[in-house]
Amino acid sequence: MSHRLAPGVREQPRRFVPRFHWELLVCGVGGHELVGLDARTLRPQDAVVAREIDGVRWHRCLRCDSWLPLPDPVAPTREVPPDRDAIELPLRGRPLRDRIILRLIAINRALHFLGLGLLGVAILLFSANRADLRDVVLRVVADVTGESASGAGSSHGLTHRIDELFTLRSSRLHLFAAIALVYATVEGIEAIGLWYAKRWAEYLTLIVTASLLPVEVYELAHHVTPFKVLAFVVNVAVVGYLLFAKRLFGLRGGAAADEALRERDVGWAALEAGAPPAPPSAASPAA
């Protein structure tokens, strides 16, 4: 059985050049975007998305441009494929890459939201019940570390630090809880906006993240840990990506240039530009 080539392919590639395609990643996870699978016949104007060559029907993925040979429908539900205005084109190219990266950042912000929210609630619960918790916590720490359960006699042990925590005024604890909950709310808003690729969420994330970088530099200057280094690198990458790749604050053409790139990669014009020439039988049925 001879191997059939996809439309537009004249010969088998002689070598494989690795290249990362976001479209293939999404199609591999969620499946291809194909149209006309349930159509009885194909029209010449459908050649950009589906065509028949030598008795074999080929369907083009609207996302990754793969051409798949598929059998004719056994029980077609429509006579011809849907018209273009009835087809919702998927993201591809740079807009698809941006959507994936923004959603990864959104997941990161959602984790921040959970962590800060739990921290704020824990501080409030601690403030409300610390009188009952103090003796129990000090006793457990003393059993583990061998220090005095009273916290006295030492100015630097773990027991002393915990005892200082229990002696903080309620107003300070409430302030810490409020700060944690406010930041949690901001991170939650960022996560929702970035998940839906809202421009205002990109600006909010950039401003909040950039404002925290000096604090992270100060922390690294005094005490370096792998977690702090990783968090700093991630935040710098987020700021750089939003500022330059998403063209915020008018950089590299601003929103207009970003929209132009979207029009270049997404739309029927982009699909037609990347489609192989139609075979003579599809271009001129009379031939």
Protein backbone atom coordinates (compact mmCIF):
# COMPACT_ATOMS: atom_id res chain seq x y z
CA MET A 1 0.00 0.00 0.00
CA SER A 2 1.53 3.31 -1.10
CA HIS A 3 1.85 6.09 1.44
CA ARG A 4 -0.36 9.11 0.64
CA LEU A 5 1.03 12.61 1.04
CA ALA A 6 -1.00 15.40 2.60
CA PRO A 7 -2.22 18.24 0.36
CA GLY A 8 0.60 20.53 -0.71
CA VAL A 9 3.35 17.98 0.11
CA ARG A 10 5.33 16.87 -2.95
CA GLU A 11 7.80 14.56 -1.26
CA GLN A 12 8.63 13.13 2.13
CA PRO A 13 10.85 15.39 4.30
CA ARG A 14 14.43 14.16 4.21
CA ARG A 15 15.31 15.20 7.72
CA PHE A 16 13.47 16.29 10.82
CA VAL A 17 14.22 19.75 12.20
CA PRO A 18 12.94 20.02 15.80
CA ARG A 19 10.76 23.06 16.45
CA PHE A 20 8.31 23.70 19.24
CA HIS A 21 4.74 24.32 18.11
CA TRP A 22 2.18 25.50 20.64
CA GLU A 23 -0.56 24.36 18.27
CA LEU A 24 0.63 20.76 18.33
CA LEU A 25 0.79 20.87 22.13
CA VAL A 26 -2.84 22.01 22.40
CA CYS A 27 -4.06 19.62 19.70
CA GLY A 28 -2.22 16.76 21.36
CA VAL A 29 -4.04 17.47 24.62
CA GLY A 30 -7.47 18.55 23.39
CA GLY A 31 -7.68 17.13 19.87
CA HIS A 32 -7.72 18.69 16.41
CA GLU A 33 -10.17 21.37 15.24
CA LEU A 34 -11.78 19.88 12.13
CA VAL A 35 -14.87 20.95 10.20
CA GLY A 36 -17.01 19.21 7.62
CA LEU A 37 -16.65 15.73 9.09
CA ASP A 38 -20.42 15.27 8.88
CA ALA A 39 -20.84 16.76 5.38
CA ARG A 40 -21.98 14.62 2.47
CA THR A 41 -20.04 16.55 -0.18
CA LEU A 42 -17.28 19.15 -0.35
CA ARG A 43 -17.45 22.33 -2.40
CA PRO A 44 -14.55 24.06 -4.18
CA GLN A 45 -14.75 26.93 -1.65
CA ASP A 46 -14.19 24.40 1.16
CA ALA A 47 -10.69 23.57 -0.13
CA VAL A 48 -9.03 25.72 2.56
CA VAL A 49 -10.38 23.40 5.29
CA ALA A 50 -11.24 20.14 3.51
CA ARG A 51 -10.72 18.65 0.06
CA GLU A 52 -10.90 15.36 -1.76
CA ILE A 53 -7.90 14.08 -3.72
CA ASP A 54 -7.85 10.78 -5.62
CA GLY A 55 -10.91 9.57 -3.75
CA VAL A 56 -9.44 10.38 -0.30
CA ARG A 57 -11.02 13.11 1.83
CA TRP A 58 -8.51 15.30 3.67
CA HIS A 59 -9.49 17.55 6.58
CA ARG A 60 -7.31 20.39 7.80
CA CYS A 61 -6.93 21.20 11.49
CA LEU A 62 -7.79 24.87 11.87
CA ARG A 63 -5.27 25.16 14.71
CA CYS A 64 -2.12 23.22 13.81
CA ASP A 65 -2.54 22.98 9.99
CA SER A 66 -2.27 19.19 10.01
CA TRP A 67 -4.05 17.47 7.11
CA LEU A 68 -5.72 14.21 8.14
CA PRO A 69 -7.07 11.57 5.73
CA LEU A 70 -10.47 10.50 7.06
CA PRO A 71 -13.23 8.29 5.68
CA ASP A 72 -16.43 9.75 4.29
CA PRO A 73 -19.20 10.05 6.91
CA VAL A 74 -21.37 6.95 7.14
CA ALA A 75 -24.46 8.94 8.13
CA PRO A 76 -23.89 12.59 7.10
CA THR A 77 -26.01 15.12 8.98
CA ARG A 78 -25.50 18.03 6.54
CA GLU A 79 -25.09 18.34 2.81
CA VAL A 80 -22.01 20.61 2.81
CA PRO A 81 -19.61 21.97 5.48
CA PRO A 82 -20.74 25.11 7.39
CA ASP A 83 -20.06 28.52 5.88
CA ARG A 84 -17.17 30.58 7.19
CA ASP A 85 -19.32 32.92 9.27
CA ALA A 86 -20.63 29.89 11.16
CA ILE A 87 -17.14 28.59 12.05
CA GLU A 88 -15.38 29.83 15.20
CA LEU A 89 -11.67 29.81 14.45
CA PRO A 90 -9.35 28.67 17.26
CA LEU A 91 -6.32 30.62 18.41
CA ARG A 92 -3.03 29.80 16.74
CA GLY A 93 0.45 31.21 16.39
CA ARG A 94 1.55 33.97 18.75
CA PRO A 95 -1.95 34.60 20.23
CA LEU A 96 -2.15 30.93 21.23
CA ARG A 97 1.30 31.10 22.83
CA ASP A 98 0.28 34.21 24.76
CA ARG A 99 -2.94 32.57 25.95
CA ILE A 100 -1.03 29.55 27.30
CA ILE A 101 1.62 31.67 29.05
CA LEU A 102 -1.00 34.00 30.55
CA ARG A 103 -2.90 31.01 31.93
CA LEU A 104 0.29 29.61 33.46
CA ILE A 105 0.81 32.98 35.17
CA ALA A 106 -2.86 32.90 36.23
CA ILE A 107 -2.32 29.50 37.88
CA ASN A 108 0.70 30.92 39.70
CA ARG A 109 -1.39 33.84 40.93
CA ALA A 110 -4.19 31.50 41.98
CA LEU A 111 -1.70 29.59 44.17
CA HIS A 112 -0.64 32.92 45.70
CA PHE A 113 -4.31 33.70 46.34
CA LEU A 114 -4.81 30.41 48.19
CA GLY A 115 -1.60 30.74 50.20
CA LEU A 116 -2.14 34.36 51.26
CA GLY A 117 -5.83 33.75 51.94
CA LEU A 118 -5.06 30.79 54.21
CA LEU A 119 -2.34 32.81 55.94
CA GLY A 120 -4.73 35.70 56.63
CA VAL A 121 -7.40 33.38 58.00
CA ALA A 122 -4.83 31.54 60.12
CA ILE A 123 -3.62 34.82 61.65
CA LEU A 124 -7.19 35.82 62.53
CA LEU A 125 -7.88 32.42 64.10
CA PHE A 126 -4.61 32.61 65.99
CA SER A 127 -5.46 36.08 67.29
CA ALA A 128 -8.87 34.91 68.50
CA ASN A 129 -7.63 31.72 70.21
CA ARG A 130 -4.02 32.40 71.21
CA ALA A 131 -4.79 32.36 74.93
CA ASP A 132 -5.84 28.72 74.62
CA LEU A 133 -3.02 27.83 72.22
CA ARG A 134 -0.04 29.40 74.02
CA ASP A 135 0.60 26.78 76.68
CA VAL A 136 -0.02 23.88 74.30
CA VAL A 137 2.30 25.20 71.58
CA LEU A 138 5.09 26.11 74.02
CA ARG A 139 4.86 22.68 75.63
CA VAL A 140 5.13 20.90 72.27
CA VAL A 141 8.09 23.04 71.19
CA ALA A 142 9.82 22.42 74.52
CA ASP A 143 9.37 18.65 74.14
CA VAL A 144 10.81 18.74 70.62
CA THR A 145 13.72 21.13 71.23
CA GLY A 146 14.44 20.48 74.90
CA GLU A 147 14.11 24.18 75.74
CA SER A 148 12.23 25.61 78.68
CA ALA A 149 8.50 25.69 78.16
CA SER A 150 8.27 29.10 79.83
CA GLY A 151 10.31 30.82 77.14
CA ALA A 152 12.39 32.54 79.82
CA GLY A 153 16.13 32.30 80.33
CA SER A 154 17.01 32.67 76.66
CA SER A 155 16.74 35.59 74.26
CA HIS A 156 17.14 33.72 71.00
CA GLY A 157 15.70 30.18 71.16
CA LEU A 158 12.71 28.93 69.17
CA THR A 159 10.61 28.91 72.31
CA HIS A 160 11.47 32.56 72.92
CA ARG A 161 10.48 33.47 69.34
CA ILE A 162 7.13 31.73 69.67
CA ASP A 163 6.56 33.37 73.04
CA GLU A 164 7.15 36.76 71.39
CA LEU A 165 4.60 35.87 68.74
CA PHE A 166 1.99 35.12 71.40
CA THR A 167 2.66 38.46 73.08
CA LEU A 168 1.98 40.53 69.97
CA ARG A 169 -0.90 42.93 70.31
CA SER A 170 -4.16 41.99 68.62
CA SER A 171 -4.07 45.20 66.55
CA ARG A 172 -0.78 44.16 64.94
CA LEU A 173 -2.06 40.67 64.21
CA HIS A 174 -5.20 42.11 62.64
CA LEU A 175 -3.02 44.41 60.51
CA PHE A 176 -0.93 41.48 59.28
CA ALA A 177 -4.09 39.52 58.50
CA ALA A 178 -5.59 42.48 56.61
CA ILE A 179 -2.44 42.89 54.51
CA ALA A 180 -2.40 39.19 53.66
CA LEU A 181 -6.10 39.18 52.72
CA VAL A 182 -5.78 42.33 50.59
CA TYR A 183 -2.87 40.85 48.66
CA ALA A 184 -4.81 37.60 48.32
CA THR A 185 -7.73 39.51 46.80
CA VAL A 186 -5.45 41.29 44.35
CA GLU A 187 -3.82 38.00 43.33
CA GLY A 188 -7.25 36.43 42.85
CA ILE A 189 -8.35 39.31 40.59
CA GLU A 190 -5.13 38.95 38.61
CA ALA A 191 -5.68 35.21 38.19
CA ILE A 192 -9.22 35.63 36.87
CA GLY A 193 -8.29 38.45 34.50
CA LEU A 194 -5.21 36.68 33.13
CA TRP A 195 -7.13 33.44 32.61
CA TYR A 196 -9.48 35.31 30.27
CA ALA A 197 -6.60 37.31 28.69
CA LYS A 198 -7.85 40.73 29.80
CA ARG A 199 -5.54 43.63 29.02
CA TRP A 200 -6.25 45.36 32.34
CA ALA A 201 -5.15 42.20 34.19
CA GLU A 202 -1.81 42.30 32.38
CA TYR A 203 -1.25 45.89 33.56
CA LEU A 204 -2.33 45.03 37.12
CA THR A 205 -0.03 42.00 37.26
CA LEU A 206 2.91 43.97 35.89
CA ILE A 207 2.48 46.83 38.38
CA VAL A 208 2.00 44.59 41.43
CA THR A 209 4.83 42.21 40.52
CA ALA A 210 7.29 44.98 39.66
CA SER A 211 6.51 46.80 42.93
CA LEU A 212 7.52 43.70 44.92
CA LEU A 213 10.86 43.16 43.16
CA PRO A 214 12.80 45.67 45.37
CA VAL A 215 11.49 43.85 48.46
CA GLU A 216 12.68 40.52 47.03
CA VAL A 217 16.10 42.01 46.25
CA TYR A 218 16.36 43.26 49.83
CA GLU A 219 15.43 39.81 51.16
CA LEU A 220 18.00 38.11 48.91
CA ALA A 221 20.70 40.54 50.04
CA HIS A 222 20.15 39.48 53.65
CA HIS A 223 19.36 35.80 53.31
CA VAL A 224 19.49 33.64 50.18
CA THR A 225 17.35 30.52 49.88
CA PRO A 226 16.49 28.42 46.79
CA PHE A 227 12.82 29.33 47.17
CA LYS A 228 13.56 33.08 47.24
CA VAL A 229 15.82 32.81 44.20
CA LEU A 230 13.19 30.83 42.28
CA ALA A 231 10.43 33.29 43.19
CA PHE A 232 12.61 36.23 42.13
CA VAL A 233 13.49 34.63 38.78
CA VAL A 234 9.83 33.81 38.06
CA ASN A 235 8.69 37.34 38.89
CA VAL A 236 11.42 38.92 36.75
CA ALA A 237 10.39 36.64 33.87
CA VAL A 238 6.73 37.63 34.33
CA VAL A 239 7.59 41.34 34.30
CA GLY A 240 9.81 40.97 31.23
CA TYR A 241 7.22 38.95 29.33
CA LEU A 242 4.33 41.32 30.08
CA LEU A 243 6.39 44.42 29.36
CA PHE A 244 8.00 43.35 26.08
CA ALA A 245 6.06 40.40 24.63
CA LYS A 246 2.65 41.91 25.46
CA ARG A 247 3.82 45.44 24.59
CA LEU A 248 2.42 47.18 27.65
CA PHE A 249 2.73 50.95 28.12
CA GLY A 250 3.16 51.41 24.36
CA LEU A 251 6.42 49.44 24.08
CA ARG A 252 7.15 47.96 20.63
CA GLY A 253 4.03 49.45 19.11
CA GLY A 254 1.70 48.85 22.06
CA ALA A 255 -1.76 47.33 21.76
CA ALA A 256 -2.04 48.20 18.05
CA ALA A 257 1.02 46.10 17.18
CA ASP A 258 -0.26 43.28 19.39
CA GLU A 259 -3.61 43.32 17.56
CA ALA A 260 -1.86 43.35 14.18
CA LEU A 261 0.07 40.21 15.11
CA ARG A 262 -3.19 38.58 16.16
CA GLU A 263 -4.77 39.39 12.80
CA ARG A 264 -1.71 37.97 11.06
CA ASP A 265 -1.91 34.62 12.84
CA VAL A 266 -5.65 34.20 13.41
CA GLY A 267 -8.37 34.52 10.76
CA TRP A 268 -9.32 33.28 7.34
CA ALA A 269 -6.61 35.35 5.69
CA ALA A 270 -3.98 33.49 7.74
CA LEU A 271 -5.54 30.13 6.87
CA GLU A 272 -5.66 30.94 3.17
CA ALA A 273 -2.05 32.14 3.20
CA GLY A 274 -0.93 28.84 4.71
CA ALA A 275 -3.10 26.58 2.56
CA PRO A 276 -1.51 24.52 -0.21
CA PRO A 277 -2.67 25.19 -3.79
CA ALA A 278 -5.95 23.51 -4.62
CA PRO A 279 -5.67 20.54 -6.99
CA PRO A 280 -6.99 21.05 -10.52
CA SER A 281 -10.04 18.89 -9.82
CA ALA A 282 -11.02 21.17 -6.88
CA ALA A 283 -10.09 24.44 -8.54
CA SER A 284 -12.03 23.77 -11.72
CA PRO A 285 -14.58 20.93 -11.51
CA ALA A 286 -15.14 21.07 -15.28
CA ALA A 287 -11.56 19.94 -15.86
